[in-house]
N, C-alpha and C. Protein backbone atom coordinates (compact mmCIF):
# COMPACT_ATOMS: atom_id res chain seq x y z
N MET A 1 -256.54 191.65 -66.11
CA MET A 1 -256.33 193.06 -65.91
C MET A 1 -254.82 193.35 -65.96
N LYS A 2 -254.47 194.43 -66.60
CA LYS A 2 -253.06 194.84 -66.69
C LYS A 2 -252.79 195.92 -65.65
N ILE A 3 -251.84 195.64 -64.75
CA ILE A 3 -251.50 196.54 -63.66
C ILE A 3 -250.07 197.05 -63.84
N LEU A 4 -249.89 198.34 -63.72
CA LEU A 4 -248.56 198.95 -63.66
C LEU A 4 -248.33 199.32 -62.21
N ALA A 5 -247.34 198.70 -61.58
CA ALA A 5 -247.00 198.93 -60.18
C ALA A 5 -245.70 199.73 -60.14
N VAL A 6 -245.74 200.92 -59.53
CA VAL A 6 -244.63 201.87 -59.61
C VAL A 6 -244.21 202.31 -58.21
N ALA A 7 -242.89 202.35 -57.98
CA ALA A 7 -242.36 202.90 -56.73
C ALA A 7 -240.88 203.22 -56.92
N SER A 8 -240.45 204.23 -56.19
CA SER A 8 -239.03 204.55 -56.13
C SER A 8 -238.32 203.48 -55.32
N VAL A 9 -237.00 203.41 -55.45
CA VAL A 9 -236.22 202.43 -54.68
C VAL A 9 -236.30 202.74 -53.19
N GLY A 10 -235.90 201.77 -52.38
CA GLY A 10 -235.89 201.94 -50.93
C GLY A 10 -237.20 201.48 -50.32
N GLY A 11 -237.63 202.21 -49.31
CA GLY A 11 -238.84 201.84 -48.57
C GLY A 11 -240.08 201.79 -49.42
N HIS A 12 -240.19 202.70 -50.39
CA HIS A 12 -241.37 202.69 -51.27
C HIS A 12 -241.44 201.37 -52.04
N TRP A 13 -240.30 200.91 -52.53
CA TRP A 13 -240.25 199.65 -53.29
C TRP A 13 -240.58 198.46 -52.38
N ILE A 14 -240.04 198.46 -51.17
CA ILE A 14 -240.31 197.37 -50.23
C ILE A 14 -241.80 197.29 -49.93
N GLU A 15 -242.45 198.44 -49.73
CA GLU A 15 -243.89 198.45 -49.48
C GLU A 15 -244.65 197.93 -50.69
N LEU A 16 -244.23 198.30 -51.88
CA LEU A 16 -244.89 197.82 -53.10
C LEU A 16 -244.76 196.30 -53.22
N LEU A 17 -243.59 195.77 -52.91
CA LEU A 17 -243.39 194.32 -53.00
C LEU A 17 -244.29 193.55 -52.02
N ARG A 18 -244.65 194.17 -50.92
CA ARG A 18 -245.55 193.52 -49.97
C ARG A 18 -246.95 193.32 -50.55
N LEU A 19 -247.25 194.05 -51.63
CA LEU A 19 -248.56 193.95 -52.27
C LEU A 19 -248.62 192.89 -53.36
N VAL A 20 -247.50 192.28 -53.69
CA VAL A 20 -247.44 191.32 -54.80
C VAL A 20 -248.54 190.26 -54.71
N PRO A 21 -248.81 189.65 -53.55
CA PRO A 21 -249.88 188.64 -53.51
C PRO A 21 -251.25 189.18 -53.94
N ALA A 22 -251.49 190.45 -53.73
CA ALA A 22 -252.79 191.04 -54.12
C ALA A 22 -252.95 191.12 -55.63
N PHE A 23 -251.85 191.03 -56.36
CA PHE A 23 -251.88 191.15 -57.82
C PHE A 23 -252.06 189.80 -58.50
N ASP A 24 -252.11 188.74 -57.74
CA ASP A 24 -252.18 187.39 -58.30
C ASP A 24 -253.31 187.26 -59.32
N GLY A 25 -252.99 186.64 -60.44
CA GLY A 25 -253.96 186.42 -61.49
C GLY A 25 -254.07 187.55 -62.50
N ASN A 26 -253.26 188.59 -62.32
CA ASN A 26 -253.27 189.73 -63.24
C ASN A 26 -251.91 189.85 -63.92
N GLU A 27 -251.89 190.52 -65.04
CA GLU A 27 -250.62 190.85 -65.69
C GLU A 27 -250.07 192.08 -64.99
N VAL A 28 -248.90 191.94 -64.38
CA VAL A 28 -248.31 193.04 -63.62
C VAL A 28 -246.99 193.44 -64.25
N ILE A 29 -246.84 194.71 -64.47
CA ILE A 29 -245.60 195.29 -64.99
C ILE A 29 -245.10 196.24 -63.92
N TYR A 30 -243.85 196.11 -63.57
CA TYR A 30 -243.26 196.93 -62.52
C TYR A 30 -242.38 198.01 -63.13
N ALA A 31 -242.31 199.14 -62.42
CA ALA A 31 -241.41 200.21 -62.82
C ALA A 31 -240.82 200.83 -61.57
N SER A 32 -239.51 201.07 -61.63
CA SER A 32 -238.83 201.73 -60.53
C SER A 32 -237.61 202.48 -61.05
N THR A 33 -236.90 203.08 -60.12
CA THR A 33 -235.86 204.03 -60.47
C THR A 33 -234.45 203.45 -60.50
N LYS A 34 -234.32 202.15 -60.33
CA LYS A 34 -232.99 201.53 -60.34
C LYS A 34 -233.07 200.16 -61.00
N LYS A 35 -232.29 199.96 -62.05
CA LYS A 35 -232.33 198.72 -62.82
C LYS A 35 -232.00 197.49 -61.97
N SER A 36 -231.11 197.63 -61.00
CA SER A 36 -230.66 196.47 -60.22
C SER A 36 -231.78 195.81 -59.42
N ILE A 37 -232.87 196.51 -59.15
CA ILE A 37 -233.93 195.87 -58.37
C ILE A 37 -234.89 195.05 -59.23
N ALA A 38 -234.65 195.03 -60.53
CA ALA A 38 -235.47 194.20 -61.41
C ALA A 38 -235.45 192.74 -60.97
N GLU A 39 -234.35 192.32 -60.38
CA GLU A 39 -234.23 190.92 -59.94
C GLU A 39 -235.25 190.58 -58.85
N THR A 40 -235.78 191.57 -58.15
CA THR A 40 -236.78 191.29 -57.11
C THR A 40 -238.15 190.98 -57.69
N VAL A 41 -238.32 191.28 -58.97
CA VAL A 41 -239.59 190.97 -59.66
C VAL A 41 -239.30 190.28 -60.99
N GLU A 42 -238.36 189.35 -60.96
CA GLU A 42 -237.96 188.70 -62.22
C GLU A 42 -239.07 187.87 -62.83
N PHE A 43 -240.16 187.68 -62.11
CA PHE A 43 -241.34 186.96 -62.62
C PHE A 43 -242.23 187.86 -63.48
N SER A 44 -241.88 189.14 -63.62
CA SER A 44 -242.70 190.10 -64.38
C SER A 44 -241.82 191.01 -65.23
N LYS A 45 -242.45 191.74 -66.11
CA LYS A 45 -241.74 192.76 -66.88
C LYS A 45 -241.36 193.90 -65.94
N PHE A 46 -240.24 194.56 -66.24
CA PHE A 46 -239.73 195.64 -65.40
C PHE A 46 -239.21 196.76 -66.28
N HIS A 47 -239.51 197.99 -65.90
CA HIS A 47 -239.02 199.16 -66.62
C HIS A 47 -238.34 200.11 -65.64
N VAL A 48 -237.28 200.73 -66.09
CA VAL A 48 -236.60 201.76 -65.30
C VAL A 48 -237.20 203.11 -65.67
N ILE A 49 -237.52 203.88 -64.64
CA ILE A 49 -238.03 205.24 -64.84
C ILE A 49 -237.07 206.21 -64.16
N PRO A 50 -237.11 207.47 -64.55
CA PRO A 50 -236.18 208.44 -63.96
C PRO A 50 -236.41 208.62 -62.46
N ASP A 51 -235.31 208.75 -61.75
CA ASP A 51 -235.35 209.04 -60.32
C ASP A 51 -235.32 210.55 -60.17
N ILE A 52 -236.34 211.09 -59.57
CA ILE A 52 -236.46 212.55 -59.46
C ILE A 52 -237.12 212.89 -58.14
N ASN A 53 -236.77 214.05 -57.63
CA ASN A 53 -237.46 214.57 -56.45
C ASN A 53 -237.80 216.03 -56.69
N ARG A 54 -238.54 216.62 -55.78
CA ARG A 54 -239.04 217.97 -56.01
C ARG A 54 -237.96 219.04 -56.08
N ASN A 55 -236.74 218.71 -55.69
CA ASN A 55 -235.63 219.67 -55.76
C ASN A 55 -234.89 219.64 -57.09
N GLU A 56 -235.27 218.75 -57.98
CA GLU A 56 -234.57 218.60 -59.27
C GLU A 56 -235.46 219.10 -60.41
N LYS A 57 -235.70 220.37 -60.40
CA LYS A 57 -236.63 220.98 -61.36
C LYS A 57 -236.17 220.83 -62.81
N PHE A 58 -234.87 220.80 -63.06
CA PHE A 58 -234.37 220.69 -64.43
C PHE A 58 -234.61 219.29 -65.00
N LYS A 59 -234.69 218.28 -64.15
CA LYS A 59 -234.94 216.92 -64.60
C LYS A 59 -236.43 216.63 -64.75
N LEU A 60 -237.27 217.49 -64.21
CA LEU A 60 -238.69 217.21 -64.13
C LEU A 60 -239.35 217.01 -65.49
N LEU A 61 -239.10 217.89 -66.44
CA LEU A 61 -239.75 217.75 -67.76
C LEU A 61 -239.35 216.46 -68.46
N SER A 62 -238.08 216.12 -68.38
CA SER A 62 -237.62 214.87 -68.99
C SER A 62 -238.29 213.66 -68.32
N ALA A 63 -238.38 213.70 -66.99
CA ALA A 63 -239.00 212.59 -66.26
C ALA A 63 -240.48 212.47 -66.62
N ILE A 64 -241.17 213.60 -66.68
CA ILE A 64 -242.59 213.57 -67.05
C ILE A 64 -242.76 212.96 -68.44
N TYR A 65 -241.95 213.38 -69.38
CA TYR A 65 -242.04 212.85 -70.74
C TYR A 65 -241.81 211.33 -70.74
N LYS A 66 -240.76 210.87 -70.06
CA LYS A 66 -240.44 209.44 -70.07
C LYS A 66 -241.52 208.61 -69.40
N ILE A 67 -242.06 209.10 -68.29
CA ILE A 67 -243.08 208.33 -67.57
C ILE A 67 -244.39 208.33 -68.35
N PHE A 68 -244.78 209.46 -68.92
CA PHE A 68 -245.99 209.49 -69.75
C PHE A 68 -245.83 208.57 -70.96
N SER A 69 -244.64 208.53 -71.55
CA SER A 69 -244.39 207.64 -72.69
C SER A 69 -244.53 206.18 -72.28
N LEU A 70 -244.01 205.84 -71.11
CA LEU A 70 -244.12 204.46 -70.62
C LEU A 70 -245.59 204.08 -70.41
N VAL A 71 -246.33 204.94 -69.73
CA VAL A 71 -247.75 204.65 -69.48
C VAL A 71 -248.52 204.56 -70.80
N SER A 72 -248.20 205.43 -71.73
CA SER A 72 -248.85 205.40 -73.05
C SER A 72 -248.57 204.09 -73.77
N SER A 73 -247.34 203.58 -73.68
CA SER A 73 -247.00 202.35 -74.39
C SER A 73 -247.58 201.11 -73.71
N ILE A 74 -247.70 201.13 -72.40
CA ILE A 74 -248.23 199.97 -71.66
C ILE A 74 -249.76 199.96 -71.68
N ARG A 75 -250.36 201.12 -71.54
CA ARG A 75 -251.82 201.27 -71.45
C ARG A 75 -252.42 200.34 -70.39
N PRO A 76 -251.97 200.51 -69.14
CA PRO A 76 -252.50 199.63 -68.07
C PRO A 76 -253.95 199.96 -67.73
N ASP A 77 -254.64 198.98 -67.18
CA ASP A 77 -255.99 199.20 -66.67
C ASP A 77 -255.94 199.90 -65.32
N VAL A 78 -254.88 199.57 -64.55
CA VAL A 78 -254.72 200.11 -63.20
C VAL A 78 -253.26 200.49 -62.99
N ILE A 79 -253.05 201.62 -62.33
CA ILE A 79 -251.71 202.00 -61.88
C ILE A 79 -251.77 202.13 -60.38
N ILE A 80 -250.82 201.49 -59.70
CA ILE A 80 -250.73 201.57 -58.25
C ILE A 80 -249.33 202.01 -57.89
N SER A 81 -249.24 202.92 -56.91
CA SER A 81 -247.94 203.39 -56.48
C SER A 81 -247.90 203.58 -54.98
N THR A 82 -246.73 203.30 -54.41
CA THR A 82 -246.46 203.56 -53.01
C THR A 82 -245.51 204.75 -52.86
N GLY A 83 -245.23 205.45 -53.95
CA GLY A 83 -244.41 206.67 -53.88
C GLY A 83 -243.10 206.50 -54.61
N ALA A 84 -242.36 207.46 -54.77
CA ALA A 84 -242.52 208.87 -54.41
C ALA A 84 -242.89 209.65 -55.68
N LEU A 85 -242.16 210.72 -56.01
CA LEU A 85 -242.53 211.58 -57.14
C LEU A 85 -242.68 210.82 -58.46
N PRO A 86 -241.79 209.89 -58.82
CA PRO A 86 -242.03 209.14 -60.07
C PRO A 86 -243.36 208.38 -60.05
N GLY A 87 -243.75 207.89 -58.88
CA GLY A 87 -245.05 207.23 -58.76
C GLY A 87 -246.20 208.20 -58.92
N LEU A 88 -246.04 209.40 -58.37
CA LEU A 88 -247.08 210.42 -58.52
C LEU A 88 -247.26 210.80 -59.98
N ILE A 89 -246.15 210.98 -60.68
CA ILE A 89 -246.23 211.31 -62.11
C ILE A 89 -246.93 210.17 -62.86
N SER A 90 -246.66 208.94 -62.46
CA SER A 90 -247.31 207.78 -63.08
C SER A 90 -248.82 207.80 -62.85
N ILE A 91 -249.22 208.17 -61.64
CA ILE A 91 -250.65 208.26 -61.32
C ILE A 91 -251.32 209.32 -62.20
N ILE A 92 -250.68 210.46 -62.34
CA ILE A 92 -251.23 211.54 -63.16
C ILE A 92 -251.30 211.10 -64.63
N ALA A 93 -250.25 210.44 -65.09
CA ALA A 93 -250.25 209.93 -66.47
C ALA A 93 -251.38 208.90 -66.65
N GLY A 94 -251.55 208.06 -65.67
CA GLY A 94 -252.61 207.05 -65.73
C GLY A 94 -253.98 207.67 -65.88
N LYS A 95 -254.23 208.73 -65.12
CA LYS A 95 -255.51 209.42 -65.24
C LYS A 95 -255.68 209.99 -66.65
N PHE A 96 -254.61 210.53 -67.20
CA PHE A 96 -254.63 211.09 -68.55
C PHE A 96 -255.01 210.03 -69.58
N TYR A 97 -254.52 208.79 -69.38
CA TYR A 97 -254.77 207.71 -70.34
C TYR A 97 -255.94 206.80 -69.94
N GLY A 98 -256.70 207.19 -68.92
CA GLY A 98 -257.92 206.46 -68.58
C GLY A 98 -257.76 205.27 -67.67
N ALA A 99 -256.61 205.11 -67.03
CA ALA A 99 -256.41 204.00 -66.10
C ALA A 99 -257.05 204.33 -64.75
N LYS A 100 -257.46 203.32 -64.03
CA LYS A 100 -257.83 203.48 -62.63
C LYS A 100 -256.52 203.64 -61.86
N THR A 101 -256.52 204.49 -60.84
CA THR A 101 -255.26 204.79 -60.15
C THR A 101 -255.43 204.67 -58.64
N ILE A 102 -254.36 204.12 -58.02
CA ILE A 102 -254.36 203.91 -56.57
C ILE A 102 -253.02 204.38 -56.01
N TRP A 103 -253.10 205.24 -55.01
CA TRP A 103 -251.91 205.72 -54.32
C TRP A 103 -251.96 205.20 -52.88
N ILE A 104 -250.86 204.60 -52.42
CA ILE A 104 -250.74 204.18 -51.02
C ILE A 104 -249.58 204.97 -50.43
N ASP A 105 -249.91 205.88 -49.51
CA ASP A 105 -248.88 206.72 -48.93
C ASP A 105 -247.98 205.89 -48.02
N SER A 106 -246.73 206.24 -47.95
CA SER A 106 -245.74 205.48 -47.19
C SER A 106 -246.08 205.43 -45.71
N ILE A 107 -245.76 204.32 -45.10
CA ILE A 107 -245.96 204.16 -43.66
C ILE A 107 -245.06 205.12 -42.87
N ALA A 108 -244.03 205.64 -43.50
CA ALA A 108 -243.12 206.58 -42.84
C ALA A 108 -243.80 207.91 -42.55
N ASN A 109 -244.89 208.20 -43.21
CA ASN A 109 -245.59 209.47 -43.01
C ASN A 109 -246.61 209.33 -41.88
N VAL A 110 -246.13 209.55 -40.67
CA VAL A 110 -246.90 209.30 -39.47
C VAL A 110 -247.81 210.48 -39.11
N GLU A 111 -247.32 211.69 -39.28
CA GLU A 111 -248.05 212.86 -38.81
C GLU A 111 -248.93 213.51 -39.87
N GLU A 112 -248.56 213.38 -41.12
CA GLU A 112 -249.36 213.91 -42.22
C GLU A 112 -248.99 213.18 -43.49
N LEU A 113 -249.87 213.27 -44.48
CA LEU A 113 -249.57 212.67 -45.78
C LEU A 113 -248.34 213.33 -46.36
N SER A 114 -247.62 212.59 -47.17
CA SER A 114 -246.49 213.16 -47.90
C SER A 114 -247.03 214.21 -48.88
N LEU A 115 -246.15 215.07 -49.37
CA LEU A 115 -246.56 216.04 -50.37
C LEU A 115 -247.12 215.32 -51.59
N SER A 116 -246.44 214.26 -52.01
CA SER A 116 -246.94 213.48 -53.16
C SER A 116 -248.30 212.87 -52.85
N GLY A 117 -248.48 212.39 -51.63
CA GLY A 117 -249.76 211.82 -51.23
C GLY A 117 -250.88 212.85 -51.25
N LYS A 118 -250.58 214.06 -50.80
CA LYS A 118 -251.59 215.13 -50.83
C LYS A 118 -251.99 215.44 -52.27
N ILE A 119 -251.00 215.50 -53.16
CA ILE A 119 -251.29 215.77 -54.57
C ILE A 119 -252.03 214.58 -55.18
N ALA A 120 -251.58 213.38 -54.87
CA ALA A 120 -252.22 212.17 -55.41
C ALA A 120 -253.69 212.10 -55.03
N SER A 121 -254.04 212.58 -53.83
CA SER A 121 -255.44 212.51 -53.41
C SER A 121 -256.35 213.36 -54.30
N LYS A 122 -255.77 214.27 -55.04
CA LYS A 122 -256.55 215.09 -55.98
C LYS A 122 -256.71 214.40 -57.34
N PHE A 123 -255.84 213.44 -57.65
CA PHE A 123 -255.84 212.78 -58.96
C PHE A 123 -256.26 211.32 -58.92
N ALA A 124 -255.81 210.60 -57.91
CA ALA A 124 -256.01 209.14 -57.88
C ALA A 124 -257.47 208.79 -57.62
N ASN A 125 -257.89 207.67 -58.19
CA ASN A 125 -259.23 207.17 -57.91
C ASN A 125 -259.37 206.81 -56.43
N ARG A 126 -258.31 206.26 -55.86
CA ARG A 126 -258.30 205.90 -54.44
C ARG A 126 -256.94 206.25 -53.87
N THR A 127 -256.96 206.85 -52.69
CA THR A 127 -255.73 207.16 -51.96
C THR A 127 -255.85 206.53 -50.58
N TYR A 128 -254.77 205.90 -50.16
CA TYR A 128 -254.76 205.23 -48.86
C TYR A 128 -253.62 205.74 -48.00
N THR A 129 -253.89 205.82 -46.72
CA THR A 129 -252.86 206.08 -45.72
C THR A 129 -252.68 204.79 -44.93
N GLN A 130 -251.53 204.65 -44.30
CA GLN A 130 -251.29 203.48 -43.48
C GLN A 130 -251.42 203.80 -42.00
N TRP A 131 -251.99 204.95 -41.70
CA TRP A 131 -252.21 205.39 -40.32
C TRP A 131 -253.67 205.83 -40.16
N PRO A 132 -254.40 205.25 -39.22
CA PRO A 132 -255.82 205.57 -39.06
C PRO A 132 -256.07 207.06 -38.76
N ASP A 133 -255.16 207.70 -38.06
CA ASP A 133 -255.33 209.12 -37.71
C ASP A 133 -255.28 210.04 -38.93
N LEU A 134 -254.73 209.57 -40.04
CA LEU A 134 -254.60 210.41 -41.23
C LEU A 134 -255.73 210.21 -42.23
N ALA A 135 -256.59 209.27 -41.96
CA ALA A 135 -257.71 209.00 -42.88
C ALA A 135 -258.68 210.18 -42.87
N ASN A 136 -259.27 210.42 -44.04
CA ASN A 136 -260.28 211.46 -44.17
C ASN A 136 -261.19 211.08 -45.34
N LYS A 137 -262.03 211.99 -45.79
CA LYS A 137 -262.99 211.64 -46.83
C LYS A 137 -262.35 211.35 -48.18
N LYS A 138 -261.10 211.76 -48.40
CA LYS A 138 -260.40 211.50 -49.66
C LYS A 138 -259.28 210.46 -49.52
N CYS A 139 -258.93 210.13 -48.30
CA CYS A 139 -257.80 209.23 -48.06
C CYS A 139 -258.23 208.18 -47.03
N PHE A 140 -258.20 206.93 -47.43
CA PHE A 140 -258.76 205.86 -46.64
C PHE A 140 -257.69 205.07 -45.88
N PHE A 141 -258.09 204.49 -44.78
CA PHE A 141 -257.22 203.59 -44.00
C PHE A 141 -257.86 202.21 -43.99
N HIS A 142 -257.09 201.20 -44.41
CA HIS A 142 -257.54 199.81 -44.35
C HIS A 142 -256.40 198.92 -43.88
N GLY A 143 -255.55 199.43 -43.01
CA GLY A 143 -254.40 198.68 -42.51
C GLY A 143 -253.13 199.20 -43.14
N ASN A 144 -252.04 198.47 -42.88
CA ASN A 144 -250.79 198.87 -43.50
C ASN A 144 -250.13 197.66 -44.16
N VAL A 145 -249.22 197.93 -45.07
CA VAL A 145 -248.63 196.85 -45.86
C VAL A 145 -247.43 196.22 -45.19
N LEU A 146 -246.95 196.78 -44.11
CA LEU A 146 -245.76 196.22 -43.46
C LEU A 146 -246.06 195.37 -42.25
N SER A 147 -247.32 195.24 -41.84
CA SER A 147 -247.61 194.42 -40.67
C SER A 147 -247.82 192.98 -41.01
C-alpha cells in the first residue's frame, strides 16, 4: 500500500513521526512544510509542500495547486495527516483522487477540534481526536499518539 503522510512542521510533524511504526511494511512518502526536516525521515521519500495558514488567503490558491499536483503525481492509496492546513488540503485532494483519507487532530486541541479537524471530518474517511471528550459519531477516539 502506498501511504502519503502529511503534516506541518512543529508539533504536527512530531505527532506524525510517532505513527511511523504503524506504517511498517508499506511504501510511505512524507510531505511537510520545511525541507530541513527531511532528515527525520531519510528512510523514505520526502516532498516539501507550501506552508500556509488561514490568514494567508493570497497564498491559498498556489498552495492548493501545488498540493493537488503532488497528490496527483503520487496517487497514494491512503493519505494520513496530523495537521494543519496543508494536511487538510492534502486530505481533500486525496478524496478527489480516490485515496482513503485519515485525519488525526492534534493533541493540543483539548476543548474542541481544530478548524481544520472540523472541516476534515466532512471529507476524511476517518477522523480521530486524541481526547475522549471530543469523540462523536464522525470523530473517533482510540488513544493518543504522544503517550
